[in-house]
Amino acid sequence: MTKIWEMGKSASVQHAEHSSAPIQINIDEAAELANDVGNIKPSLWTLSMMRLYGCLFIGYLCATVNGFDGAVMGGINAMTSYQDYFHMVSASSSTGIIFAIYSIGTACAVPFVGPVSDRWGRRAGMFFGAIIVILGTVITSRAINHGMFMGGRFVLGFGVCFVNVNGPVYVAEMAHPAWRGPLTGLYNCFWYIGSIVAAWVVYGTQTQTNGWRTPLYCQFIASGIISVAVWFLPESPRWLVSHGRTELARNILARYHGEGSPEHPIVKLQMAEMEFQISAEGSNKKWWDYRELWKTRSHRHRLICVLSMAIFGQWSGNSSTSYYLPVMLENAGITSESRKLLLNGINAPLCFISSIMGTMFLDKAGRRPLLILSLIFCIVFLAILTPLSKVADEHPEQRSTANASIAFIYLFGITYSFAWTPLSPMYVVECLDTNARAKGKSLAQFFTACASAIIQYGSGPAFEHIKYYFYIVFIGWDLFEVVFIYLFWPETKDRTLEELDEVFQAHNPVKRSLEAKNLQTVFNTLHVGDKQSDA
């Protein structure tokens, strides 16, 4: 809303090159437009929304591509056929490096992702990533030795970086502003679709000769759909505006947000905010220049939130329950391969249901409360799981203790999934402005990949040598995360992506984000606009 008031103050805004006539809007018109939008309660079941769901679904499949890997590698790592073929054990440093090479490939792709997305668009980024994932799938599924398998996983990680950046960015930029929370939160819930498919294909092929290859072939499914369907999608309106193609952006918003009308208040408000932001801030198109991410105080605060989320999303204990769940079950006294794979298959659907339920609460409870409460419960469950796993491991005859350990492993995953699964990519996108969104998400992906590689590699020898005591590390780290989030992460619900500029430009973004949003507050913050330097 700040953008609209700023436009009223300045009377007009010049568009980017090749755009249509400049916006002319005064304060009264801005207030009327804002009130019109505030009074609109769009239906979820209109024709425009049905079209929008179809577009977002392809973006959601980008999360499915990534989710498949955690479950398929965690599953085949417990298969005798895989261990015998590559002479592996389920928990060791060699296992850790096989898991980590995927994240190393992701980190290596980061310098190329932002330029592709900024120059050719979000669709091109998703397509390019899907093609590379298909190539990696061919290599891993046909691997004849350890080196070929490692190379294929590197290629997979390289391609996943493109879909992991462009998928959530596309979803956030296309989502209807009235339903941005749930629609964007659903993105990472589809991580579990890949996880569910992988876990149950692994379970079904456990007795086959070289049965570990079959689940790897299934990585073709989501990436294949993306590579074919992505060119039938509309491009992100925000990307189009940043490249001066405002009329096409307006038509897309009208079709998917405005029931076909370019004069719909929601369409006019979004176009006014986007055009002002692009014209006021410009857009740095130099592929090598990331200075726009930290050039001002508000940008630096954004970056703190983005990079901390990238790390927290990997180090809260969740990586253990994806890649090393069968090992955790073994530490809890479950030694049967078939039972470990069965329990692995049950975990993913439970987490998927939990993540969907959490998505429904994003705009009601807010981002900060959900994240903090989720961490507190995770800490409690890990604190209980540690001694339970110890007793179950030392006294395997006590089946009740083993079953209790399994229950708390599930409870941890369910609790984490409720808040962190929908919010991990969503909060990063919300904290970045339009001009820096692709580069910022790429940098976040780099930190995510590095954090993931460290925890995936380190967890192997940690589980091998200290077993369940490893959970104590996550308990201490999660306590640190709770304090950090409370002090530094602003609340982002109930504001458009453009309106969040006003929050981050405040002297205390956390305090400002917790204040109620109304026209008087917006008017009072009029002079905290983008034209004011906050370096």
Protein backbone atom coordinates (compact mmCIF):
# COMPACT_ATOMS: atom_id res chain seq x y z
CA MET A 1 0.00 0.00 0.00
CA THR A 2 2.91 2.33 0.59
CA LYS A 3 3.60 2.21 -3.12
CA ILE A 4 0.15 3.53 -3.95
CA TRP A 5 0.46 6.38 -1.46
CA GLU A 6 3.89 7.24 -2.83
CA MET A 7 2.40 7.37 -6.31
CA GLY A 8 -0.30 9.68 -5.05
CA LYS A 9 2.34 11.92 -3.51
CA SER A 10 4.43 12.03 -6.65
CA ALA A 11 1.34 12.33 -8.91
CA SER A 12 2.78 10.09 -11.64
CA VAL A 13 5.19 7.29 -12.28
CA GLN A 14 7.15 6.74 -15.45
CA HIS A 15 7.07 3.21 -16.76
CA ALA A 16 10.02 1.15 -17.89
CA GLU A 17 11.09 1.27 -21.50
CA HIS A 18 8.50 0.08 -24.07
CA SER A 19 5.66 0.32 -21.54
CA SER A 20 2.34 2.07 -22.03
CA ALA A 21 1.39 5.55 -20.78
CA PRO A 22 2.49 6.53 -17.28
CA ILE A 23 0.20 6.05 -14.31
CA GLN A 24 -1.65 9.13 -13.09
CA ILE A 25 -3.08 8.66 -9.62
CA ASN A 26 -3.73 10.95 -6.66
CA ILE A 27 -4.10 10.22 -2.97
CA ASP A 28 -7.91 10.08 -3.04
CA GLU A 29 -7.85 7.63 -5.95
CA ALA A 30 -5.21 5.56 -4.18
CA ALA A 31 -7.29 5.37 -1.01
CA GLU A 32 -10.42 4.46 -2.99
CA LEU A 33 -8.58 1.76 -4.89
CA ALA A 34 -7.09 0.33 -1.68
CA ASN A 35 -10.52 0.27 -0.04
CA ASP A 36 -12.06 -1.45 -3.08
CA VAL A 37 -9.44 -4.19 -2.92
CA GLY A 38 -9.86 -4.55 0.84
CA ASN A 39 -13.60 -5.08 0.42
CA ILE A 40 -13.22 -7.75 -2.25
CA LYS A 41 -13.45 -11.37 -1.11
CA PRO A 42 -12.62 -13.37 -4.24
CA SER A 43 -13.97 -16.88 -4.58
CA LEU A 44 -11.61 -19.86 -4.81
CA TRP A 45 -13.79 -21.55 -7.42
CA THR A 46 -14.05 -19.11 -10.32
CA LEU A 47 -12.86 -19.87 -13.83
CA SER A 48 -9.85 -17.58 -13.39
CA MET A 49 -8.83 -19.39 -10.22
CA MET A 50 -9.18 -22.78 -11.92
CA ARG A 51 -6.79 -21.61 -14.63
CA LEU A 52 -4.44 -20.29 -11.97
CA TYR A 53 -4.38 -23.62 -10.12
CA GLY A 54 -3.32 -25.35 -13.31
CA CYS A 55 -0.39 -22.95 -13.71
CA LEU A 56 0.67 -23.23 -10.08
CA PHE A 57 0.54 -27.02 -10.23
CA ILE A 58 3.42 -27.09 -12.72
CA GLY A 59 5.38 -24.85 -10.37
CA TYR A 60 4.55 -27.17 -7.46
CA LEU A 61 6.10 -30.09 -9.36
CA CYS A 62 9.48 -28.37 -8.97
CA ALA A 63 9.25 -29.21 -5.27
CA THR A 64 8.27 -32.78 -6.16
CA VAL A 65 11.50 -33.16 -8.13
CA ASN A 66 13.53 -32.22 -5.07
CA GLY A 67 11.44 -34.21 -2.60
CA PHE A 68 11.91 -37.38 -4.59
CA ASP A 69 15.66 -37.43 -3.95
CA GLY A 70 15.58 -37.43 -0.15
CA ALA A 71 13.20 -40.38 0.05
CA VAL A 72 14.68 -42.39 -2.80
CA MET A 73 18.23 -42.12 -1.46
CA GLY A 74 17.15 -42.74 2.12
CA GLY A 75 15.22 -45.79 0.90
CA ILE A 76 17.73 -47.42 -1.41
CA ASN A 77 20.42 -46.78 1.20
CA ALA A 78 18.64 -49.41 3.30
CA MET A 79 18.30 -51.89 0.39
CA THR A 80 20.62 -54.88 0.40
CA SER A 81 20.83 -54.86 -3.42
CA TYR A 82 22.16 -51.28 -3.40
CA GLN A 83 24.61 -51.90 -0.56
CA ASP A 84 25.96 -55.03 -2.23
CA TYR A 85 26.28 -53.44 -5.66
CA PHE A 86 28.31 -50.45 -4.44
CA HIS A 87 29.79 -52.12 -1.34
CA MET A 88 28.16 -49.55 0.97
CA VAL A 89 26.87 -49.47 4.54
CA SER A 90 23.87 -47.44 5.65
CA ALA A 91 25.79 -44.99 7.89
CA SER A 92 29.36 -43.99 7.04
CA SER A 93 31.40 -41.17 5.56
CA SER A 94 31.15 -42.75 2.09
CA THR A 95 27.36 -42.75 2.39
CA GLY A 96 27.50 -39.14 3.52
CA ILE A 97 29.45 -38.01 0.46
CA ILE A 98 26.99 -39.76 -1.89
CA PHE A 99 24.17 -37.81 -0.26
CA ALA A 100 26.17 -34.58 -0.13
CA ILE A 101 27.35 -34.59 -3.77
CA TYR A 102 23.75 -33.74 -4.75
CA SER A 103 23.93 -30.53 -2.70
CA ILE A 104 27.42 -29.78 -4.03
CA GLY A 105 26.00 -29.90 -7.55
CA THR A 106 23.26 -27.52 -6.45
CA ALA A 107 25.80 -25.08 -5.03
CA CYS A 108 27.83 -25.15 -8.26
CA ALA A 109 24.76 -24.20 -10.31
CA VAL A 110 23.97 -21.06 -8.33
CA PRO A 111 26.03 -18.59 -10.43
CA PHE A 112 24.05 -19.59 -13.53
CA VAL A 113 20.52 -19.67 -12.15
CA GLY A 114 19.96 -15.95 -11.54
CA PRO A 115 21.12 -14.87 -15.02
CA VAL A 116 18.93 -17.46 -16.74
CA SER A 117 15.88 -16.45 -14.72
CA ASP A 118 16.47 -12.70 -15.06
CA ARG A 119 17.21 -12.77 -18.77
CA TRP A 120 14.86 -15.44 -20.14
CA GLY A 121 12.21 -15.68 -17.44
CA ARG A 122 10.95 -18.06 -14.76
CA ARG A 123 9.62 -20.55 -17.31
CA ALA A 124 13.01 -20.88 -18.99
CA GLY A 125 14.64 -21.50 -15.63
CA MET A 126 12.21 -24.32 -14.81
CA PHE A 127 12.63 -25.86 -18.27
CA PHE A 128 16.42 -25.74 -18.21
CA GLY A 129 16.50 -27.34 -14.76
CA ALA A 130 14.06 -30.10 -15.72
CA ILE A 131 16.16 -31.07 -18.74
CA ILE A 132 19.31 -31.32 -16.61
CA VAL A 133 17.44 -33.43 -14.03
CA ILE A 134 16.38 -35.80 -16.81
CA LEU A 135 20.03 -36.12 -17.88
CA GLY A 136 21.10 -36.83 -14.30
CA THR A 137 18.36 -39.44 -13.96
CA VAL A 138 19.67 -41.29 -17.00
CA ILE A 139 23.19 -41.35 -15.54
CA THR A 140 22.26 -42.50 -12.02
CA SER A 141 19.70 -45.11 -13.05
CA ARG A 142 22.16 -46.67 -15.53
CA ALA A 143 25.26 -46.31 -13.33
CA ILE A 144 27.67 -49.23 -13.56
CA ASN A 145 30.16 -48.05 -10.95
CA HIS A 146 30.50 -45.76 -7.97
CA GLY A 147 32.04 -42.88 -9.96
CA MET A 148 29.23 -42.85 -12.54
CA PHE A 149 26.63 -42.85 -9.78
CA MET A 150 28.34 -39.93 -8.04
CA GLY A 151 28.55 -38.01 -11.32
CA GLY A 152 24.86 -38.53 -11.98
CA ARG A 153 23.94 -37.24 -8.54
CA PHE A 154 26.06 -34.13 -9.14
CA VAL A 155 24.15 -33.48 -12.40
CA LEU A 156 20.83 -34.04 -10.60
CA GLY A 157 21.75 -31.48 -7.95
CA PHE A 158 22.86 -29.00 -10.64
CA GLY A 159 19.50 -29.22 -12.38
CA VAL A 160 17.46 -29.16 -9.19
CA CYS A 161 18.97 -25.78 -8.33
CA PHE A 162 17.23 -24.25 -11.36
CA VAL A 163 13.82 -25.71 -10.54
CA ASN A 164 14.20 -24.98 -6.81
CA VAL A 165 14.82 -21.29 -7.50
CA ASN A 166 12.38 -20.66 -10.33
CA GLY A 167 9.53 -22.87 -9.09
CA PRO A 168 8.79 -21.03 -5.81
CA VAL A 169 9.51 -17.63 -7.36
CA TYR A 170 7.03 -18.33 -10.16
CA VAL A 171 4.39 -19.57 -7.71
CA ALA A 172 4.78 -16.55 -5.40
CA GLU A 173 4.66 -14.07 -8.29
CA MET A 174 1.63 -15.73 -9.93
CA ALA A 175 -0.39 -16.47 -6.79
CA HIS A 176 -3.56 -14.43 -6.22
CA PRO A 177 -2.74 -11.76 -3.60
CA ALA A 178 -5.85 -12.58 -1.55
CA TRP A 179 -4.71 -16.19 -1.21
CA ARG A 180 -0.95 -15.82 -1.49
CA GLY A 181 -0.25 -17.52 1.84
CA PRO A 182 -1.99 -20.85 1.19
CA LEU A 183 -1.22 -20.94 -2.54
CA THR A 184 2.47 -20.24 -2.01
CA GLY A 185 2.67 -22.45 1.06
CA LEU A 186 1.37 -25.40 -0.94
CA TYR A 187 4.52 -25.27 -3.07
CA ASN A 188 6.82 -27.11 -0.70
CA CYS A 189 4.04 -29.46 0.42
CA PHE A 190 4.49 -31.10 -2.97
CA TRP A 191 7.97 -32.07 -1.78
CA TYR A 192 6.18 -34.95 -0.07
CA ILE A 193 4.48 -36.07 -3.27
CA GLY A 194 7.92 -36.97 -4.61
CA SER A 195 8.85 -38.44 -1.25
CA ILE A 196 5.73 -40.63 -1.12
CA VAL A 197 6.22 -41.98 -4.64
CA ALA A 198 9.90 -42.69 -3.99
CA ALA A 199 9.34 -44.39 -0.61
CA TRP A 200 6.68 -46.76 -1.87
CA VAL A 201 8.44 -47.63 -5.12
CA VAL A 202 11.50 -48.48 -3.02
CA TYR A 203 9.33 -50.67 -0.77
CA GLY A 204 7.80 -52.44 -3.77
CA THR A 205 11.14 -53.23 -5.44
CA GLN A 206 13.15 -54.28 -2.38
CA THR A 207 13.23 -57.97 -3.34
CA GLN A 208 14.12 -57.46 -7.02
CA THR A 209 17.61 -58.05 -8.37
CA ASN A 210 19.14 -54.57 -8.72
CA GLY A 211 15.79 -53.28 -7.48
CA TRP A 212 17.45 -50.01 -6.47
CA ARG A 213 17.49 -48.90 -10.12
CA THR A 214 13.70 -48.86 -10.57
CA PRO A 215 12.99 -46.04 -8.07
CA LEU A 216 15.66 -43.89 -9.72
CA TYR A 217 13.88 -44.17 -13.09
CA CYS A 218 10.82 -42.55 -11.47
CA GLN A 219 12.71 -39.26 -11.30
CA PHE A 220 11.68 -38.88 -14.95
CA ILE A 221 8.02 -38.31 -14.02
CA ALA A 222 7.88 -34.82 -12.50
CA SER A 223 10.81 -33.41 -14.48
CA GLY A 224 9.32 -34.76 -17.71
CA ILE A 225 5.95 -33.08 -17.04
CA ILE A 226 7.66 -29.77 -16.26
CA SER A 227 9.79 -29.82 -19.40
CA VAL A 228 6.72 -30.35 -21.62
CA ALA A 229 4.11 -28.23 -19.84
CA VAL A 230 6.15 -25.18 -18.83
CA TRP A 231 5.85 -23.45 -22.21
CA PHE A 232 2.05 -23.56 -21.97
CA LEU A 233 2.18 -21.37 -18.85
CA PRO A 234 1.98 -17.56 -18.77
CA GLU A 235 5.18 -15.81 -17.78
CA SER A 236 5.40 -14.15 -14.36
CA PRO A 237 3.75 -10.68 -14.58
CA ARG A 238 6.43 -9.21 -12.31
CA TRP A 239 9.19 -10.45 -14.61
CA LEU A 240 7.32 -8.99 -17.60
CA VAL A 241 6.98 -5.60 -15.89
CA SER A 242 10.69 -5.60 -15.07
CA HIS A 243 11.34 -6.02 -18.81
CA GLY A 244 8.95 -3.28 -19.89
CA ARG A 245 6.17 -5.59 -21.13
CA THR A 246 3.46 -4.07 -18.98
CA GLU A 247 0.50 -4.65 -21.31
CA LEU A 248 1.16 -8.39 -21.43
CA ALA A 249 1.56 -8.43 -17.65
CA ARG A 250 -1.77 -6.60 -17.26
CA ASN A 251 -3.52 -9.08 -19.55
CA ILE A 252 -2.15 -12.03 -17.58
CA LEU A 253 -3.27 -10.53 -14.27
CA ALA A 254 -6.70 -9.85 -15.75
CA ARG A 255 -7.03 -13.44 -16.94
CA TYR A 256 -5.83 -15.12 -13.75
CA HIS A 257 -6.67 -12.59 -10.99
CA GLY A 258 -9.33 -10.28 -12.39
CA GLU A 259 -11.93 -12.55 -13.98
CA GLY A 260 -10.88 -11.29 -17.41
CA SER A 261 -11.18 -7.56 -16.63
CA PRO A 262 -8.12 -5.28 -16.83
CA GLU A 263 -10.15 -2.74 -14.81
CA HIS A 264 -10.62 -5.09 -11.86
CA PRO A 265 -9.37 -3.30 -8.68
CA ILE A 266 -6.99 -6.15 -7.81
CA VAL A 267 -5.42 -5.95 -11.28
CA LYS A 268 -5.11 -2.15 -11.11
CA LEU A 269 -3.61 -2.24 -7.62
CA GLN A 270 -1.02 -4.88 -8.48
CA MET A 271 -0.04 -3.15 -11.70
CA ALA A 272 0.30 0.21 -9.97
CA GLU A 273 2.48 -1.23 -7.20
CA MET A 274 4.66 -3.26 -9.57
CA GLU A 275 5.17 -0.48 -12.08
CA PHE A 276 6.09 1.97 -9.34
CA GLN A 277 8.55 -0.39 -7.73
CA ILE A 278 10.28 -1.22 -10.98
CA SER A 279 10.50 2.40 -12.11
CA ALA A 280 11.62 3.70 -8.72
CA GLU A 281 14.27 1.06 -7.99
CA GLY A 282 15.36 -0.08 -11.38
CA SER A 283 16.66 -3.57 -11.99
CA ASN A 284 20.27 -4.61 -12.09
CA LYS A 285 20.64 -7.04 -14.99
CA LYS A 286 24.38 -7.69 -14.60
CA TRP A 287 24.59 -11.42 -13.98
CA TRP A 288 27.71 -11.15 -11.83
CA ASP A 289 26.60 -8.24 -9.64
CA TYR A 290 24.83 -9.21 -6.41
CA ARG A 291 25.35 -5.87 -4.63
CA GLU A 292 21.66 -5.03 -4.89
CA LEU A 293 21.08 -7.67 -2.20
CA TRP A 294 22.94 -5.66 0.46
CA LYS A 295 23.18 -2.10 -0.85
CA THR A 296 20.88 -0.56 1.82
CA ARG A 297 19.98 -1.25 5.42
CA SER A 298 16.60 -2.67 4.44
CA HIS A 299 18.20 -4.94 1.86
CA ARG A 300 20.68 -6.18 4.44
CA HIS A 301 17.87 -7.03 6.84
CA ARG A 302 16.12 -8.89 4.05
CA LEU A 303 19.32 -10.80 3.37
CA ILE A 304 19.71 -11.80 7.02
CA CYS A 305 16.22 -13.30 6.96
CA VAL A 306 16.78 -15.04 3.62
CA LEU A 307 20.13 -16.64 4.44
CA SER A 308 19.18 -17.65 7.96
CA MET A 309 16.06 -19.37 6.62
CA ALA A 310 18.21 -21.15 4.03
CA ILE A 311 20.37 -22.59 6.82
CA PHE A 312 17.67 -23.17 9.44
CA GLY A 313 15.57 -25.09 6.93
CA GLN A 314 18.32 -27.72 6.72
CA TRP A 315 19.78 -27.80 10.22
CA SER A 316 16.66 -28.17 12.37
CA GLY A 317 16.92 -31.97 12.35
CA ASN A 318 14.76 -32.51 9.28
CA SER A 319 17.60 -33.74 7.05
CA SER A 320 18.01 -36.72 9.36
CA THR A 321 14.36 -37.72 8.98
CA SER A 322 14.56 -37.57 5.16
CA TYR A 323 17.91 -39.05 4.14
CA TYR A 324 18.65 -41.02 7.32
CA LEU A 325 15.20 -42.13 8.51
CA PRO A 326 15.99 -45.87 8.08
CA VAL A 327 19.19 -45.30 10.09
CA MET A 328 17.17 -43.56 12.83
CA LEU A 329 14.82 -46.54 12.86
CA GLU A 330 17.79 -48.87 13.15
CA ASN A 331 19.04 -46.84 16.13
CA ALA A 332 15.59 -47.33 17.65
CA GLY A 333 15.96 -51.10 17.43
CA ILE A 334 14.33 -51.79 14.02
CA THR A 335 16.69 -54.13 12.14
CA SER A 336 14.41 -55.75 9.52
CA GLU A 337 14.98 -54.24 6.05
CA SER A 338 11.34 -54.75 5.06
CA ARG A 339 10.02 -53.10 8.24
CA LYS A 340 12.40 -50.14 7.91
CA LEU A 341 11.26 -49.52 4.34
CA LEU A 342 7.60 -49.91 5.34
CA LEU A 343 7.96 -47.38 8.16
CA ASN A 344 9.86 -45.09 5.78
CA GLY A 345 6.90 -45.26 3.40
CA ILE A 346 4.39 -44.40 6.13
CA ASN A 347 6.30 -41.32 7.29
CA ALA A 348 5.99 -39.36 4.04
CA PRO A 349 2.13 -39.39 3.80
CA LEU A 350 1.85 -38.32 7.45
CA CYS A 351 4.19 -35.38 6.85
CA PHE A 352 2.34 -34.46 3.65
CA ILE A 353 -1.00 -34.27 5.46
CA SER A 354 0.61 -32.21 8.22
CA SER A 355 2.14 -29.76 5.73
CA ILE A 356 -1.22 -29.26 4.00
CA MET A 357 -2.88 -28.55 7.35
CA GLY A 358 -0.11 -26.09 8.23
CA THR A 359 -0.61 -24.28 4.94
CA MET A 360 -4.22 -23.56 5.90
CA PHE A 361 -3.04 -21.75 9.04
CA LEU A 362 -0.37 -19.54 7.46
CA ASP A 363 -2.59 -16.48 7.04
CA LYS A 364 -4.45 -17.05 10.31
CA ALA A 365 -1.66 -17.71 12.79
CA GLY A 366 1.13 -15.93 10.93
CA ARG A 367 4.62 -17.03 9.92
CA ARG A 368 6.52 -16.29 13.13
CA PRO A 369 4.18 -18.04 15.61
CA LEU A 370 3.99 -21.20 13.49
CA LEU A 371 7.76 -21.43 13.06
CA ILE A 372 8.56 -20.78 16.70
CA LEU A 373 5.93 -23.17 18.07
CA SER A 374 7.01 -25.85 15.62
CA LEU A 375 10.61 -25.58 16.82
CA ILE A 376 9.59 -25.73 20.47
CA PHE A 377 7.67 -28.97 19.92
CA CYS A 378 10.54 -30.38 17.82
CA ILE A 379 12.91 -29.70 20.74
CA VAL A 380 10.57 -31.52 23.13
CA PHE A 381 10.21 -34.54 20.85
CA LEU A 382 13.97 -34.80 20.25
CA ALA A 383 14.59 -34.56 23.99
CA ILE A 384 12.24 -37.51 24.54
CA LEU A 385 13.52 -39.46 21.52
CA THR A 386 17.16 -39.46 22.65
CA PRO A 387 16.76 -41.57 25.81
CA LEU A 388 14.05 -43.72 24.20
CA SER A 389 16.37 -44.62 21.31
CA LYS A 390 19.14 -45.44 23.78
CA VAL A 391 16.94 -47.87 25.72
CA ALA A 392 15.52 -49.40 22.52
CA ASP A 393 19.01 -49.96 21.11
CA GLU A 394 20.41 -51.47 24.32
CA HIS A 395 17.32 -53.60 25.08
CA PRO A 396 15.91 -54.80 21.73
CA GLU A 397 13.58 -57.20 23.51
CA GLN A 398 11.53 -54.23 24.77
CA ARG A 399 9.31 -53.77 21.73
CA SER A 400 7.21 -51.10 23.44
CA THR A 401 10.25 -48.84 23.73
CA ALA A 402 11.05 -49.30 20.05
CA ASN A 403 7.47 -48.50 19.11
CA ALA A 404 7.54 -45.37 21.29
CA SER A 405 10.76 -44.27 19.57
CA ILE A 406 9.10 -44.68 16.17
CA ALA A 407 6.14 -42.61 17.36
CA PHE A 408 8.37 -39.71 18.40
CA ILE A 409 10.34 -39.89 15.15
CA TYR A 410 7.02 -39.50 13.35
CA LEU A 411 5.89 -36.72 15.68
CA PHE A 412 9.08 -34.79 14.99
CA GLY A 413 8.58 -35.06 11.23
CA ILE A 414 4.89 -34.14 11.46
CA THR A 415 5.60 -31.11 13.64
CA TYR A 416 8.42 -29.86 11.43
CA SER A 417 6.31 -30.34 8.30
CA PHE A 418 3.38 -28.38 9.74
CA ALA A 419 5.26 -25.07 9.65
CA TRP A 420 8.66 -25.40 8.01
CA THR A 421 7.69 -27.36 4.91
CA PRO A 422 5.31 -24.70 3.51
CA LEU A 423 7.29 -21.73 4.83
CA SER A 424 10.92 -22.60 3.98
CA PRO A 425 10.80 -21.45 0.33
CA MET A 426 7.83 -19.13 0.81
CA TYR A 427 9.37 -16.89 3.46
CA VAL A 428 12.54 -16.48 1.39
CA VAL A 429 10.53 -15.27 -1.62
CA GLU A 430 8.44 -12.93 0.54
CA CYS A 431 11.56 -11.31 2.01
CA LEU A 432 12.99 -10.43 -1.42
CA ASP A 433 11.84 -7.56 -3.62
CA THR A 434 10.98 -8.09 -7.26
CA ASN A 435 14.22 -6.80 -8.75
CA ALA A 436 16.44 -8.98 -6.57
CA ARG A 437 14.16 -12.00 -6.25
CA ALA A 438 15.90 -14.34 -8.70
CA LYS A 439 19.42 -13.49 -7.51
CA GLY A 440 18.35 -13.54 -3.87
CA LYS A 441 16.67 -16.93 -4.22
CA SER A 442 19.77 -18.21 -6.03
CA LEU A 443 22.01 -17.05 -3.20
CA ALA A 444 19.63 -18.62 -0.69
CA GLN A 445 19.80 -21.84 -2.69
CA PHE A 446 23.59 -21.72 -2.48
CA PHE A 447 23.46 -21.44 1.31
CA THR A 448 20.81 -24.16 1.44
CA ALA A 449 22.98 -26.44 -0.66
CA CYS A 450 26.06 -25.79 1.48
CA ALA A 451 24.14 -26.32 4.72
CA SER A 452 22.55 -29.45 3.30
CA ALA A 453 25.89 -30.84 2.09
CA ILE A 454 27.43 -30.29 5.52
CA ILE A 455 24.62 -31.97 7.44
CA GLN A 456 24.21 -34.81 4.93
CA TYR A 457 27.90 -35.61 4.96
CA GLY A 458 28.32 -35.12 8.71
CA SER A 459 25.24 -37.14 9.68
CA GLY A 460 26.65 -40.36 8.24
CA PRO A 461 29.68 -40.69 10.55
CA ALA A 462 27.72 -39.02 13.39
CA PHE A 463 25.04 -41.71 13.34
CA GLU A 464 27.75 -44.34 12.90
CA HIS A 465 29.76 -43.28 15.97
CA ILE A 466 27.47 -41.44 18.42
CA LYS A 467 24.09 -42.71 17.19
CA TYR A 468 21.11 -41.19 19.04
CA TYR A 469 23.27 -38.73 20.97
CA PHE A 470 23.43 -36.80 17.70
CA TYR A 471 19.90 -35.54 18.45
CA ILE A 472 21.29 -33.40 21.28
CA VAL A 473 23.10 -31.26 18.68
CA PHE A 474 19.76 -30.43 17.03
CA ILE A 475 18.15 -29.64 20.39
CA GLY A 476 20.75 -26.94 21.09
CA TRP A 477 20.63 -25.57 17.55
CA ASP A 478 16.82 -25.39 17.51
CA LEU A 479 16.89 -23.36 20.73
CA PHE A 480 19.19 -20.88 18.99
CA GLU A 481 16.80 -20.71 16.03
CA VAL A 482 13.86 -19.84 18.29
CA VAL A 483 15.71 -16.85 19.76
CA PHE A 484 16.99 -15.68 16.34
CA ILE A 485 13.55 -15.82 14.71
CA TYR A 486 11.95 -13.91 17.58
CA LEU A 487 14.54 -11.11 17.34
CA PHE A 488 15.12 -10.73 13.60
CA TRP A 489 12.36 -12.21 11.43
CA PRO A 490 9.44 -9.86 10.56
CA GLU A 491 5.90 -11.13 10.12
CA THR A 492 4.91 -11.16 6.42
CA LYS A 493 1.26 -12.22 6.41
CA ASP A 494 -1.56 -9.99 5.10
CA ARG A 495 0.72 -7.88 2.89
CA THR A 496 1.40 -8.02 -0.84
CA LEU A 497 4.97 -8.60 -1.98
CA GLU A 498 5.25 -4.89 -2.77
CA GLU A 499 3.77 -3.78 0.57
CA LEU A 500 6.48 -5.67 2.43
CA ASP A 501 8.92 -2.96 1.26
CA GLU A 502 7.45 -0.63 3.87
CA VAL A 503 8.06 -3.23 6.61
CA PHE A 504 11.73 -3.75 5.79
CA GLN A 505 12.35 -0.02 5.40
CA ALA A 506 11.18 0.62 8.96
CA HIS A 507 13.78 1.24 11.66
CA ASN A 508 12.62 -1.92 13.44
CA PRO A 509 11.12 -4.27 10.80
CA VAL A 510 10.01 -6.86 13.35
CA LYS A 511 8.07 -4.30 15.41
CA ARG A 512 6.62 -2.67 12.30
CA SER A 513 5.46 -6.02 10.92
CA LEU A 514 3.48 -6.75 14.08
CA GLU A 515 1.52 -3.51 13.87
CA ALA A 516 -1.92 -3.60 12.29
CA LYS A 517 -2.00 -2.52 8.66
CA ASN A 518 -4.39 0.36 7.95
CA LEU A 519 -4.51 3.43 5.76
CA GLN A 520 -3.55 5.81 8.55
CA THR A 521 -0.43 3.78 9.34
CA VAL A 522 0.43 3.73 5.67
CA PHE A 523 0.00 7.48 5.47
CA ASN A 524 2.28 7.94 8.50
CA THR A 525 5.02 5.93 6.79
CA LEU A 526 4.68 7.85 3.53
CA HIS A 527 8.18 9.28 3.70
CA VAL A 528 9.81 5.90 4.26
CA GLY A 529 9.52 5.12 0.57
CA ASP A 530 12.04 3.74 -1.86
CA LYS A 531 13.22 7.20 -2.89
CA GLN A 532 14.64 7.73 0.57
CA SER A 533 18.15 6.36 1.01
CA ASP A 534 18.48 4.04 3.98
CA ALA A 535 22.06 3.00 3.48
